[in-house]
Amino acid sequence: MRRQTLYFALVLILVAAAASAQTFTYLDRANLARDADFRKRIEVAFVKVCLAALEEDPSAANHDQKVLLARRLLVDPEASSVRIAALVVNHASVTSATLTDGDLQTAVNQTLLSLATNNILTR
């Protein structure tokens, strides 16, 4: 009887966990992009990327585009964080609002590299 109770409790826990693991919807992404704390984290992450671009070797791939993008974003980091947040929440690695700083940094790095290489926000 005790073993059945333990199995039943385990099944209930697994069902509850599965129910709480909802899909990260478009509305979830839109709300996250508007979250003030998330934008602050985005700002810290993209400033790190921008400073690295300004300090990298000029012979690095896409250096000129990365520097141009960095300069544009650093003119007004707070306003830039709004635009960058809207892009980053759609990155494939963003699957919940509880993103680690490392995962967020990766998403920001890849997003900004994509923007620079495709000359988006650099014109």
Protein backbone atom coordinates (compact mmCIF):
# COMPACT_ATOMS: atom_id res chain seq x y z
CA MET A 1 0.00 0.00 0.00
CA ARG A 2 2.81 2.40 0.89
CA ARG A 3 4.53 1.73 -2.45
CA GLN A 4 1.30 2.53 -4.32
CA THR A 5 0.99 5.79 -2.41
CA LEU A 6 4.55 6.74 -3.36
CA TYR A 7 3.93 5.92 -7.02
CA PHE A 8 0.70 7.92 -6.98
CA ALA A 9 2.51 10.89 -5.43
CA LEU A 10 5.24 10.64 -8.05
CA VAL A 11 2.69 10.56 -10.86
CA LEU A 12 0.97 13.65 -9.44
CA ILE A 13 4.29 15.49 -9.27
CA LEU A 14 5.13 14.58 -12.87
CA VAL A 15 1.69 15.63 -14.11
CA ALA A 16 1.96 18.95 -12.28
CA ALA A 17 5.45 19.55 -13.70
CA ALA A 18 4.26 18.81 -17.23
CA ALA A 19 1.30 21.14 -16.83
CA SER A 20 3.51 23.99 -15.62
CA ALA A 21 5.98 23.54 -18.52
CA GLN A 22 3.85 25.60 -20.89
CA THR A 23 4.96 26.78 -24.27
CA PHE A 24 6.64 30.19 -24.27
CA THR A 25 4.01 31.99 -26.34
CA TYR A 26 4.21 35.15 -28.44
CA LEU A 27 2.42 37.01 -25.67
CA ASP A 28 4.97 35.72 -23.15
CA ARG A 29 7.75 36.98 -25.42
CA ALA A 30 6.08 40.37 -25.89
CA ASN A 31 5.61 40.76 -22.14
CA LEU A 32 9.21 39.78 -21.47
CA ALA A 33 10.46 42.32 -24.02
CA ARG A 34 8.55 45.02 -22.12
CA ASP A 35 9.78 43.94 -18.69
CA ALA A 36 11.97 46.67 -17.15
CA ASP A 37 14.32 44.25 -15.37
CA PHE A 38 14.78 42.20 -18.54
CA ARG A 39 15.64 45.37 -20.47
CA LYS A 40 18.26 46.25 -17.86
CA ARG A 41 19.82 42.82 -18.32
CA ILE A 42 19.71 43.26 -22.10
CA GLU A 43 21.43 46.63 -21.73
CA VAL A 44 24.28 45.15 -19.68
CA ALA A 45 24.69 42.30 -22.17
CA PHE A 46 24.71 44.44 -25.30
CA VAL A 47 27.04 47.05 -23.82
CA LYS A 48 29.52 44.22 -23.18
CA VAL A 49 29.22 43.16 -26.83
CA CYS A 50 29.61 46.75 -28.06
CA LEU A 51 32.70 47.39 -25.96
CA ALA A 52 34.25 44.15 -27.21
CA ALA A 53 33.55 45.20 -30.81
CA LEU A 54 35.23 48.56 -30.26
CA GLU A 55 38.29 46.86 -28.80
CA GLU A 56 38.64 43.97 -31.24
CA ASP A 57 41.30 43.69 -33.92
CA PRO A 58 40.32 45.78 -36.98
CA SER A 59 41.06 42.78 -39.20
CA ALA A 60 38.32 40.71 -37.50
CA ALA A 61 35.42 39.61 -39.67
CA ASN A 62 32.73 42.29 -40.07
CA HIS A 63 34.69 44.64 -37.82
CA ASP A 64 33.51 47.86 -39.50
CA GLN A 65 29.84 46.84 -39.32
CA LYS A 66 30.18 45.76 -35.67
CA VAL A 67 31.83 49.07 -34.72
CA LEU A 68 29.17 51.08 -36.56
CA LEU A 69 26.40 49.12 -34.81
CA ALA A 70 28.14 49.49 -31.43
CA ARG A 71 28.44 53.26 -31.84
CA ARG A 72 24.77 53.58 -32.78
CA LEU A 73 23.60 51.49 -29.84
CA LEU A 74 25.86 53.21 -27.31
CA VAL A 75 24.50 56.68 -28.15
CA ASP A 76 21.43 55.84 -26.03
CA PRO A 77 21.77 52.45 -24.33
CA GLU A 78 18.40 52.65 -22.61
CA ALA A 79 16.51 53.30 -25.84
CA SER A 80 18.60 50.70 -27.63
CA SER A 81 17.70 48.11 -25.00
CA VAL A 82 14.04 48.45 -26.03
CA ARG A 83 14.85 47.61 -29.66
CA ILE A 84 17.31 44.85 -28.79
CA ALA A 85 14.91 43.25 -26.27
CA ALA A 86 12.24 42.94 -28.96
CA LEU A 87 14.70 41.01 -31.11
CA VAL A 88 16.35 38.90 -28.41
CA VAL A 89 13.07 37.50 -27.04
CA ASN A 90 12.62 35.85 -30.43
CA HIS A 91 16.02 34.14 -30.37
CA ALA A 92 15.77 30.34 -30.40
CA SER A 93 17.51 30.00 -27.02
CA VAL A 94 14.93 32.16 -25.24
CA THR A 95 12.43 29.58 -24.08
CA SER A 96 11.28 31.13 -20.80
CA ALA A 97 11.47 34.30 -18.75
CA THR A 98 13.94 32.61 -16.38
CA LEU A 99 16.88 32.89 -18.74
CA THR A 100 20.32 32.66 -17.15
CA ASP A 101 22.73 35.54 -17.67
CA GLY A 102 24.95 33.26 -19.74
CA ASP A 103 22.10 32.20 -22.02
CA LEU A 104 20.98 35.81 -22.34
CA GLN A 105 24.52 36.92 -23.23
CA THR A 106 24.67 34.23 -25.93
CA ALA A 107 21.33 35.35 -27.38
CA VAL A 108 22.45 39.00 -27.39
CA ASN A 109 25.85 38.14 -28.92
CA GLN A 110 24.24 36.18 -31.74
CA THR A 111 21.51 38.76 -32.34
CA LEU A 112 23.95 41.66 -32.58
CA LEU A 113 26.32 39.69 -34.79
CA SER A 114 23.42 38.94 -37.12
CA LEU A 115 22.43 42.62 -37.18
CA ALA A 116 25.98 43.71 -37.93
CA THR A 117 26.66 41.12 -40.60
CA ASN A 118 23.43 41.91 -42.38
CA ASN A 119 23.87 45.68 -42.04
CA ILE A 120 20.68 46.04 -40.04
CA LEU A 121 20.58 49.14 -37.80
CA THR A 122 23.91 50.20 -39.32
CA ARG A 123 22.55 52.24 -42.22
